[in-house]
Amino acid sequence: MYDLEIRRRALGLVATGQSLNSVSKITGISRSALRAWRVEIEPRRGHDCARCTSPARSPGSTAAYAYLLGLYLGDGCLSAQPRGVFALRIACADSWPGLIESCEAAIRAIHPDNAVCRVRKQGCTMVTSTSKHWPCLFPQHAPGKKHERRIALESWQQEIVDAHPWEFIRGLIHSDGCRITNWTEKVIGGEPKRYEYPRYFFTNKSDDIRALFSDTLDKVGVEWKITRRGEDPYNVSVARRASVALMDLHVGPKY
């Protein structure tokens, strides 16, 4: 556990314009810890659960929670362990190391006293943390696949998403979405010309999770439409120029 003064000095180096990687090498502090401190610098003690206290409260960093909720709904799961413990696992493709870092930072911001580990799988890394209280924070956990059962946010979760819609959208895009470049050809003056344009896709089999994504897009003014893969309406597409510009400003491609 780093004290507040060490955290301030480390973030002071970041504030001078140095990269997280260089500050990590200088101080020996992990990049994921530096990312988490940028969200919440104060050390938090104890293992209390925000949802188990009376009265129940929101997680300490609601912005990090909104992002992590998006990741969980897309590529996350809870697995029961011995003695009532649950493992939160978020599958992150190895192609996007920045995603792995951001995922770990979000978990640390929610549970700063819990260990976070990375388990290598073929083509991906499972960012994992154990706690008895993960089901309290992710009440969508239940037996069976997400797309085969109802997924709905509780009122306290919806309040967090309403307060941090872009973090929630970013989490969903980082899990089950992408930014790609489409192209088309038009004949102008008898000559074919190639036009390229960016667009975002979100792909998920769950009608409920797609609805959570599209409803949140509506709230931030992003236009979208459903595109089909065969007979299945799995894709939410964002292609209009102004909406793509909004997504680029607040989400951007994976890295």
C-alpha atoms as a PDB file:
ATOM      1  CA  MET A   1       0.000   0.000   0.000  1.00  0.00           C
ATOM      2  CA  TYR A   2       1.524   3.326  -1.089  1.00  0.00           C
ATOM      3  CA  ASP A   3       0.892   6.330   1.138  1.00  0.00           C
ATOM      4  CA  LEU A   4      -0.692   9.523  -0.141  1.00  0.00           C
ATOM      5  CA  GLU A   5       2.593  11.420  -0.451  1.00  0.00           C
ATOM      6  CA  ILE A   6       4.117   8.748  -2.719  1.00  0.00           C
ATOM      7  CA  ARG A   7       0.980   8.784  -4.857  1.00  0.00           C
ATOM      8  CA  ARG A   8       1.127  12.569  -5.192  1.00  0.00           C
ATOM      9  CA  ARG A   9       4.798  12.517  -6.188  1.00  0.00           C
ATOM     10  CA  ALA A  10       4.163   9.841  -8.807  1.00  0.00           C
ATOM     11  CA  LEU A  11       1.204  11.707 -10.289  1.00  0.00           C
ATOM     12  CA  GLY A  12       3.283  14.872 -10.198  1.00  0.00           C
ATOM     13  CA  LEU A  13       5.727  13.193 -12.587  1.00  0.00           C
ATOM     14  CA  VAL A  14       2.830  12.224 -14.843  1.00  0.00           C
ATOM     15  CA  ALA A  15       1.605  15.821 -14.759  1.00  0.00           C
ATOM     16  CA  THR A  16       4.944  16.999 -16.185  1.00  0.00           C
ATOM     17  CA  GLY A  17       4.107  15.161 -19.384  1.00  0.00           C
ATOM     18  CA  GLN A  18       6.037  11.958 -18.801  1.00  0.00           C
ATOM     19  CA  SER A  19       4.343   8.755 -19.938  1.00  0.00           C
ATOM     20  CA  LEU A  20       2.934   6.211 -17.499  1.00  0.00           C
ATOM     21  CA  ASN A  21       5.548   3.773 -18.754  1.00  0.00           C
ATOM     22  CA  SER A  22       8.455   6.099 -17.973  1.00  0.00           C
ATOM     23  CA  VAL A  23       7.056   7.047 -14.538  1.00  0.00           C
ATOM     24  CA  SER A  24       6.583   3.356 -13.773  1.00  0.00           C
ATOM     25  CA  LYS A  25      10.240   2.662 -14.620  1.00  0.00           C
ATOM     26  CA  ILE A  26      11.423   5.588 -12.475  1.00  0.00           C
ATOM     27  CA  THR A  27       9.309   4.803  -9.405  1.00  0.00           C
ATOM     28  CA  GLY A  28       8.789   1.045  -9.643  1.00  0.00           C
ATOM     29  CA  ILE A  29       5.032   1.594  -9.409  1.00  0.00           C
ATOM     30  CA  SER A  30       2.905  -0.332 -11.901  1.00  0.00           C
ATOM     31  CA  ARG A  31       1.142   1.518 -14.707  1.00  0.00           C
ATOM     32  CA  SER A  32      -2.187   0.049 -13.591  1.00  0.00           C
ATOM     33  CA  ALA A  33      -1.725   1.571 -10.108  1.00  0.00           C
ATOM     34  CA  LEU A  34      -0.893   4.952 -11.673  1.00  0.00           C
ATOM     35  CA  ARG A  35      -4.039   4.729 -13.808  1.00  0.00           C
ATOM     36  CA  ALA A  36      -6.150   3.894 -10.738  1.00  0.00           C
ATOM     37  CA  TRP A  37      -4.679   6.829  -8.766  1.00  0.00           C
ATOM     38  CA  ARG A  38      -5.638   9.206 -11.583  1.00  0.00           C
ATOM     39  CA  VAL A  39      -9.242   8.145 -10.892  1.00  0.00           C
ATOM     40  CA  GLU A  40      -8.978   8.131  -7.089  1.00  0.00           C
ATOM     41  CA  ILE A  41      -5.780   9.153  -5.320  1.00  0.00           C
ATOM     42  CA  GLU A  42      -6.846   8.640  -1.685  1.00  0.00           C
ATOM     43  CA  PRO A  43      -5.815   5.273  -0.185  1.00  0.00           C
ATOM     44  CA  ARG A  44      -8.814   3.261   0.922  1.00  0.00           C
ATOM     45  CA  ARG A  45      -8.613   0.886   3.857  1.00  0.00           C
ATOM     46  CA  GLY A  46     -10.689  -2.102   4.817  1.00  0.00           C
ATOM     47  CA  HIS A  47     -12.710  -4.654   2.901  1.00  0.00           C
ATOM     48  CA  ASP A  48     -16.211  -3.273   3.384  1.00  0.00           C
ATOM     49  CA  CYS A  49     -18.742  -3.692   0.604  1.00  0.00           C
ATOM     50  CA  ALA A  50     -20.485  -0.557  -0.626  1.00  0.00           C
ATOM     51  CA  ARG A  51     -23.689  -2.499  -1.273  1.00  0.00           C
ATOM     52  CA  CYS A  52     -23.685  -4.405   2.050  1.00  0.00           C
ATOM     53  CA  THR A  53     -23.412  -1.343   4.287  1.00  0.00           C
ATOM     54  CA  SER A  54     -26.508   0.284   5.747  1.00  0.00           C
ATOM     55  CA  PRO A  55     -27.531   2.352   3.965  1.00  0.00           C
ATOM     56  CA  ALA A  56     -26.104   0.899   0.770  1.00  0.00           C
ATOM     57  CA  ARG A  57     -23.908   3.247  -1.236  1.00  0.00           C
ATOM     58  CA  SER A  58     -22.356   3.407  -4.685  1.00  0.00           C
ATOM     59  CA  PRO A  59     -18.844   2.022  -5.316  1.00  0.00           C
ATOM     60  CA  GLY A  60     -16.055   4.464  -4.453  1.00  0.00           C
ATOM     61  CA  SER A  61     -15.249   5.353  -8.048  1.00  0.00           C
ATOM     62  CA  THR A  62     -18.485   5.469 -10.002  1.00  0.00           C
ATOM     63  CA  ALA A  63     -16.728   6.341 -13.274  1.00  0.00           C
ATOM     64  CA  ALA A  64     -14.497   3.269 -12.996  1.00  0.00           C
ATOM     65  CA  TYR A  65     -17.529   1.181 -12.070  1.00  0.00           C
ATOM     66  CA  ALA A  66     -19.475   2.315 -15.154  1.00  0.00           C
ATOM     67  CA  TYR A  67     -16.534   1.277 -17.354  1.00  0.00           C
ATOM     68  CA  LEU A  68     -16.091  -2.046 -15.559  1.00  0.00           C
ATOM     69  CA  LEU A  69     -19.826  -2.743 -15.794  1.00  0.00           C
ATOM     70  CA  GLY A  70     -19.595  -2.399 -19.575  1.00  0.00           C
ATOM     71  CA  LEU A  71     -16.632  -4.781 -19.663  1.00  0.00           C
ATOM     72  CA  TYR A  72     -18.452  -7.281 -17.445  1.00  0.00           C
ATOM     73  CA  LEU A  73     -21.623  -7.277 -19.524  1.00  0.00           C
ATOM     74  CA  GLY A  74     -19.579  -7.857 -22.657  1.00  0.00           C
ATOM     75  CA  ASP A  75     -16.739 -10.222 -21.798  1.00  0.00           C
ATOM     76  CA  GLY A  76     -16.962 -10.796 -18.055  1.00  0.00           C
ATOM     77  CA  CYS A  77     -18.170 -13.497 -15.717  1.00  0.00           C
ATOM     78  CA  LEU A  78     -18.255 -14.397 -12.036  1.00  0.00           C
ATOM     79  CA  SER A  79     -17.131 -17.854 -10.957  1.00  0.00           C
ATOM     80  CA  ALA A  80     -17.833 -19.334  -7.520  1.00  0.00           C
ATOM     81  CA  GLN A  81     -14.754 -20.328  -5.524  1.00  0.00           C
ATOM     82  CA  PRO A  82     -14.368 -22.121  -2.154  1.00  0.00           C
ATOM     83  CA  ARG A  83     -15.487 -20.398   1.083  1.00  0.00           C
ATOM     84  CA  GLY A  84     -18.038 -18.135  -0.591  1.00  0.00           C
ATOM     85  CA  VAL A  85     -15.506 -16.264  -2.716  1.00  0.00           C
ATOM     86  CA  PHE A  86     -16.190 -15.248  -6.312  1.00  0.00           C
ATOM     87  CA  ALA A  87     -13.660 -14.602  -9.054  1.00  0.00           C
ATOM     88  CA  LEU A  88     -14.372 -11.736 -11.436  1.00  0.00           C
ATOM     89  CA  ARG A  89     -12.841 -12.572 -14.809  1.00  0.00           C
ATOM     90  CA  ILE A  90     -12.720 -10.163 -17.746  1.00  0.00           C
ATOM     91  CA  ALA A  91     -11.447 -11.612 -21.026  1.00  0.00           C
ATOM     92  CA  CYS A  92      -9.215  -9.068 -22.808  1.00  0.00           C
ATOM     93  CA  ALA A  93      -7.729  -9.755 -26.233  1.00  0.00           C
ATOM     94  CA  ASP A  94      -3.927  -9.684 -26.255  1.00  0.00           C
ATOM     95  CA  SER A  95      -4.126  -7.499 -29.371  1.00  0.00           C
ATOM     96  CA  TRP A  96      -5.146  -4.573 -27.137  1.00  0.00           C
ATOM     97  CA  PRO A  97      -2.646  -4.192 -24.262  1.00  0.00           C
ATOM     98  CA  GLY A  98      -4.137  -0.816 -23.349  1.00  0.00           C
ATOM     99  CA  LEU A  99      -7.466  -2.531 -22.723  1.00  0.00           C
ATOM    100  CA  ILE A 100      -5.808  -4.940 -20.299  1.00  0.00           C
ATOM    101  CA  GLU A 101      -4.230  -2.007 -18.429  1.00  0.00           C
ATOM    102  CA  SER A 102      -7.513  -0.072 -18.296  1.00  0.00           C
ATOM    103  CA  CYS A 103      -9.428  -3.120 -17.080  1.00  0.00           C
ATOM    104  CA  GLU A 104      -6.956  -3.748 -14.260  1.00  0.00           C
ATOM    105  CA  ALA A 105      -6.996  -0.062 -13.278  1.00  0.00           C
ATOM    106  CA  ALA A 106     -10.811  -0.084 -13.077  1.00  0.00           C
ATOM    107  CA  ILE A 107     -10.830  -3.176 -10.852  1.00  0.00           C
ATOM    108  CA  ARG A 108      -8.226  -1.633  -8.559  1.00  0.00           C
ATOM    109  CA  ALA A 109     -10.268   1.570  -8.336  1.00  0.00           C
ATOM    110  CA  ILE A 110     -13.295  -0.454  -7.175  1.00  0.00           C
ATOM    111  CA  HIS A 111     -11.431  -2.864  -4.873  1.00  0.00           C
ATOM    112  CA  PRO A 112      -8.039  -1.233  -4.144  1.00  0.00           C
ATOM    113  CA  ASP A 113      -7.177  -3.705  -1.380  1.00  0.00           C
ATOM    114  CA  ASN A 114      -7.802  -6.810  -3.481  1.00  0.00           C
ATOM    115  CA  ALA A 115      -5.141  -8.441  -5.617  1.00  0.00           C
ATOM    116  CA  VAL A 116      -5.570  -8.364  -9.403  1.00  0.00           C
ATOM    117  CA  CYS A 117      -3.838 -10.965 -11.543  1.00  0.00           C
ATOM    118  CA  ARG A 118      -3.524 -11.704 -15.241  1.00  0.00           C
ATOM    119  CA  VAL A 119      -4.031 -15.259 -16.456  1.00  0.00           C
ATOM    120  CA  ARG A 120      -2.787 -15.946 -19.966  1.00  0.00           C
ATOM    121  CA  LYS A 121      -5.047 -17.913 -22.282  1.00  0.00           C
ATOM    122  CA  GLN A 122      -4.752 -18.581 -25.989  1.00  0.00           C
ATOM    123  CA  GLY A 123      -5.132 -15.177 -27.657  1.00  0.00           C
ATOM    124  CA  CYS A 124      -6.372 -13.387 -24.550  1.00  0.00           C
ATOM    125  CA  THR A 125      -5.630 -12.439 -20.962  1.00  0.00           C
ATOM    126  CA  MET A 126      -8.124 -13.008 -18.163  1.00  0.00           C
ATOM    127  CA  VAL A 127      -7.895 -10.053 -15.784  1.00  0.00           C
ATOM    128  CA  THR A 128      -9.010 -11.607 -12.512  1.00  0.00           C
ATOM    129  CA  SER A 129      -9.791 -10.527  -8.959  1.00  0.00           C
ATOM    130  CA  THR A 130     -11.485 -12.422  -6.130  1.00  0.00           C
ATOM    131  CA  SER A 131     -13.930 -11.142  -3.520  1.00  0.00           C
ATOM    132  CA  LYS A 132     -16.985 -12.356  -1.641  1.00  0.00           C
ATOM    133  CA  HIS A 133     -18.762  -9.209  -2.740  1.00  0.00           C
ATOM    134  CA  TRP A 134     -18.510  -9.221  -6.545  1.00  0.00           C
ATOM    135  CA  PRO A 135     -22.129 -10.508  -6.822  1.00  0.00           C
ATOM    136  CA  CYS A 136     -23.209  -7.473  -4.768  1.00  0.00           C
ATOM    137  CA  LEU A 137     -21.612  -5.185  -7.360  1.00  0.00           C
ATOM    138  CA  PHE A 138     -22.747  -7.236 -10.361  1.00  0.00           C
ATOM    139  CA  PRO A 139     -26.241  -8.533  -9.489  1.00  0.00           C
ATOM    140  CA  GLN A 140     -26.679  -9.597 -13.127  1.00  0.00           C
ATOM    141  CA  HIS A 141     -24.703 -12.723 -12.185  1.00  0.00           C
ATOM    142  CA  ALA A 142     -26.819 -15.864 -12.460  1.00  0.00           C
ATOM    143  CA  PRO A 143     -26.546 -19.384 -13.879  1.00  0.00           C
ATOM    144  CA  GLY A 144     -26.543 -19.656 -17.656  1.00  0.00           C
ATOM    145  CA  LYS A 145     -25.362 -17.533 -20.552  1.00  0.00           C
ATOM    146  CA  LYS A 146     -26.198 -13.822 -20.488  1.00  0.00           C
ATOM    147  CA  HIS A 147     -27.994 -13.878 -23.859  1.00  0.00           C
ATOM    148  CA  GLU A 148     -30.284 -16.678 -22.643  1.00  0.00           C
ATOM    149  CA  ARG A 149     -31.615 -14.834 -19.606  1.00  0.00           C
ATOM    150  CA  ARG A 150     -32.927 -11.388 -18.738  1.00  0.00           C
ATOM    151  CA  ILE A 151     -30.317  -8.694 -18.117  1.00  0.00           C
ATOM    152  CA  ALA A 152     -31.484  -5.481 -16.457  1.00  0.00           C
ATOM    153  CA  LEU A 153     -29.708  -2.840 -14.401  1.00  0.00           C
ATOM    154  CA  GLU A 154     -30.782  -2.129 -10.853  1.00  0.00           C
ATOM    155  CA  SER A 155     -31.781   1.439 -10.063  1.00  0.00           C
ATOM    156  CA  TRP A 156     -28.438   2.288  -8.411  1.00  0.00           C
ATOM    157  CA  GLN A 157     -26.562   0.948 -11.428  1.00  0.00           C
ATOM    158  CA  GLN A 158     -28.717   2.963 -13.816  1.00  0.00           C
ATOM    159  CA  GLU A 159     -27.986   6.107 -11.788  1.00  0.00           C
ATOM    160  CA  ILE A 160     -24.246   5.478 -12.237  1.00  0.00           C
ATOM    161  CA  VAL A 161     -24.649   4.863 -15.976  1.00  0.00           C
ATOM    162  CA  ASP A 162     -26.719   8.052 -16.293  1.00  0.00           C
ATOM    163  CA  ALA A 163     -23.942   9.967 -14.519  1.00  0.00           C
ATOM    164  CA  HIS A 164     -21.144   8.368 -16.581  1.00  0.00           C
ATOM    165  CA  PRO A 165     -22.680   7.287 -19.903  1.00  0.00           C
ATOM    166  CA  TRP A 166     -19.469   7.519 -21.912  1.00  0.00           C
ATOM    167  CA  GLU A 167     -17.543   5.312 -19.494  1.00  0.00           C
ATOM    168  CA  PHE A 168     -20.294   2.681 -19.796  1.00  0.00           C
ATOM    169  CA  ILE A 169     -20.281   2.957 -23.600  1.00  0.00           C
ATOM    170  CA  ARG A 170     -16.488   2.707 -23.645  1.00  0.00           C
ATOM    171  CA  GLY A 171     -16.603  -0.458 -21.552  1.00  0.00           C
ATOM    172  CA  LEU A 172     -19.108  -2.072 -23.895  1.00  0.00           C
ATOM    173  CA  ILE A 173     -17.112  -1.071 -26.990  1.00  0.00           C
ATOM    174  CA  HIS A 174     -13.861  -2.280 -25.426  1.00  0.00           C
ATOM    175  CA  SER A 175     -15.463  -5.663 -24.726  1.00  0.00           C
ATOM    176  CA  ASP A 176     -17.803  -6.418 -27.626  1.00  0.00           C
ATOM    177  CA  GLY A 177     -17.242  -3.520 -30.006  1.00  0.00           C
ATOM    178  CA  CYS A 178     -14.798  -2.151 -32.532  1.00  0.00           C
ATOM    179  CA  ARG A 179     -13.969   0.830 -34.709  1.00  0.00           C
ATOM    180  CA  ILE A 180     -13.346  -0.086 -38.341  1.00  0.00           C
ATOM    181  CA  THR A 181     -12.891   1.645 -41.679  1.00  0.00           C
ATOM    182  CA  ASN A 182     -15.459   0.832 -44.349  1.00  0.00           C
ATOM    183  CA  TRP A 183     -15.028   1.661 -48.000  1.00  0.00           C
ATOM    184  CA  THR A 184     -17.177   2.021 -51.078  1.00  0.00           C
ATOM    185  CA  GLU A 185     -16.674   2.939 -54.708  1.00  0.00           C
ATOM    186  CA  LYS A 186     -18.581   5.547 -56.695  1.00  0.00           C
ATOM    187  CA  VAL A 187     -18.281   6.350 -60.374  1.00  0.00           C
ATOM    188  CA  ILE A 188     -17.706  10.072 -60.833  1.00  0.00           C
ATOM    189  CA  GLY A 189     -17.053  11.494 -64.272  1.00  0.00           C
ATOM    190  CA  GLY A 190     -16.753   7.972 -65.601  1.00  0.00           C
ATOM    191  CA  GLU A 191     -13.955   7.147 -63.156  1.00  0.00           C
ATOM    192  CA  PRO A 192     -14.370   4.862 -60.122  1.00  0.00           C
ATOM    193  CA  LYS A 193     -13.333   6.535 -56.890  1.00  0.00           C
ATOM    194  CA  ARG A 194     -12.813   4.816 -53.552  1.00  0.00           C
ATOM    195  CA  TYR A 195     -14.265   6.424 -50.431  1.00  0.00           C
ATOM    196  CA  GLU A 196     -13.347   5.324 -46.917  1.00  0.00           C
ATOM    197  CA  TYR A 197     -15.257   6.161 -43.751  1.00  0.00           C
ATOM    198  CA  PRO A 198     -15.006   5.017 -40.127  1.00  0.00           C
ATOM    199  CA  ARG A 199     -17.804   3.367 -38.189  1.00  0.00           C
ATOM    200  CA  TYR A 200     -18.347   1.660 -34.856  1.00  0.00           C
ATOM    201  CA  PHE A 201     -19.921  -1.731 -34.294  1.00  0.00           C
ATOM    202  CA  PHE A 202     -21.213  -3.326 -31.109  1.00  0.00           C
ATOM    203  CA  THR A 203     -22.006  -7.022 -31.387  1.00  0.00           C
ATOM    204  CA  ASN A 204     -23.796  -9.005 -28.690  1.00  0.00           C
ATOM    205  CA  LYS A 205     -26.336 -11.822 -28.800  1.00  0.00           C
ATOM    206  CA  SER A 206     -28.295 -10.461 -25.828  1.00  0.00           C
ATOM    207  CA  ASP A 207     -31.252  -8.271 -26.818  1.00  0.00           C
ATOM    208  CA  ASP A 208     -31.146  -6.730 -23.345  1.00  0.00           C
ATOM    209  CA  ILE A 209     -27.449  -5.803 -23.464  1.00  0.00           C
ATOM    210  CA  ARG A 210     -27.797  -4.341 -26.966  1.00  0.00           C
ATOM    211  CA  ALA A 211     -30.734  -2.292 -25.674  1.00  0.00           C
ATOM    212  CA  LEU A 212     -28.663  -0.993 -22.742  1.00  0.00           C
ATOM    213  CA  PHE A 213     -26.013   0.091 -25.250  1.00  0.00           C
ATOM    214  CA  SER A 214     -28.390   1.741 -27.722  1.00  0.00           C
ATOM    215  CA  ASP A 215     -30.443   3.440 -24.973  1.00  0.00           C
ATOM    216  CA  THR A 216     -27.259   4.983 -23.606  1.00  0.00           C
ATOM    217  CA  LEU A 217     -26.250   6.102 -27.101  1.00  0.00           C
ATOM    218  CA  ASP A 218     -29.616   7.871 -27.368  1.00  0.00           C
ATOM    219  CA  LYS A 219     -28.916   9.771 -24.148  1.00  0.00           C
ATOM    220  CA  VAL A 220     -25.603  11.168 -25.448  1.00  0.00           C
ATOM    221  CA  GLY A 221     -26.950  12.033 -28.902  1.00  0.00           C
ATOM    222  CA  VAL A 222     -25.353   9.254 -30.957  1.00  0.00           C
ATOM    223  CA  GLU A 223     -27.388   7.963 -33.892  1.00  0.00           C
ATOM    224  CA  TRP A 224     -27.329   4.211 -34.482  1.00  0.00           C
ATOM    225  CA  LYS A 225     -29.047   1.434 -36.349  1.00  0.00           C
ATOM    226  CA  ILE A 226     -29.329  -2.329 -36.157  1.00  0.00           C
ATOM    227  CA  THR A 227     -27.564  -4.324 -38.853  1.00  0.00           C
ATOM    228  CA  ARG A 228     -28.118  -8.040 -39.284  1.00  0.00           C
ATOM    229  CA  ARG A 229     -25.697 -10.911 -39.563  1.00  0.00           C
ATOM    230  CA  GLY A 230     -27.780 -13.343 -41.564  1.00  0.00           C
ATOM    231  CA  GLU A 231     -31.128 -13.528 -39.776  1.00  0.00           C
ATOM    232  CA  ASP A 232     -29.752 -12.368 -36.446  1.00  0.00           C
ATOM    233  CA  PRO A 233     -29.816  -8.660 -35.439  1.00  0.00           C
ATOM    234  CA  TYR A 234     -26.611  -8.883 -33.409  1.00  0.00           C
ATOM    235  CA  ASN A 235     -24.939  -5.641 -34.514  1.00  0.00           C
ATOM    236  CA  VAL A 236     -25.485  -2.036 -33.458  1.00  0.00           C
ATOM    237  CA  SER A 237     -23.845   0.231 -36.037  1.00  0.00           C
ATOM    238  CA  VAL A 238     -22.791   3.869 -35.652  1.00  0.00           C
ATOM    239  CA  ALA A 239     -21.897   5.288 -39.071  1.00  0.00           C
ATOM    240  CA  ARG A 240     -23.175   8.867 -39.365  1.00  0.00           C
ATOM    241  CA  ARG A 241     -20.294  11.335 -39.475  1.00  0.00           C
ATOM    242  CA  ALA A 242     -21.354  13.465 -36.503  1.00  0.00           C
ATOM    243  CA  SER A 243     -22.036  10.414 -34.351  1.00  0.00           C
ATOM    244  CA  VAL A 244     -18.713   8.787 -35.267  1.00  0.00           C
ATOM    245  CA  ALA A 245     -16.995  12.072 -34.338  1.00  0.00           C
ATOM    246  CA  LEU A 246     -18.695  11.963 -30.924  1.00  0.00           C
ATOM    247  CA  MET A 247     -17.598   8.370 -30.428  1.00  0.00           C
ATOM    248  CA  ASP A 248     -14.045   9.252 -31.465  1.00  0.00           C
ATOM    249  CA  LEU A 249     -13.989  12.087 -28.954  1.00  0.00           C
ATOM    250  CA  HIS A 250     -15.204  10.025 -25.992  1.00  0.00           C
ATOM    251  CA  VAL A 251     -14.325   6.408 -26.852  1.00  0.00           C
ATOM    252  CA  GLY A 252     -11.862   6.021 -29.710  1.00  0.00           C
ATOM    253  CA  PRO A 253     -10.423   2.788 -31.087  1.00  0.00           C
ATOM    254  CA  LYS A 254      -8.994   0.080 -28.877  1.00  0.00           C
ATOM    255  CA  TYR A 255      -5.272   0.210 -28.318  1.00  0.00           C
END
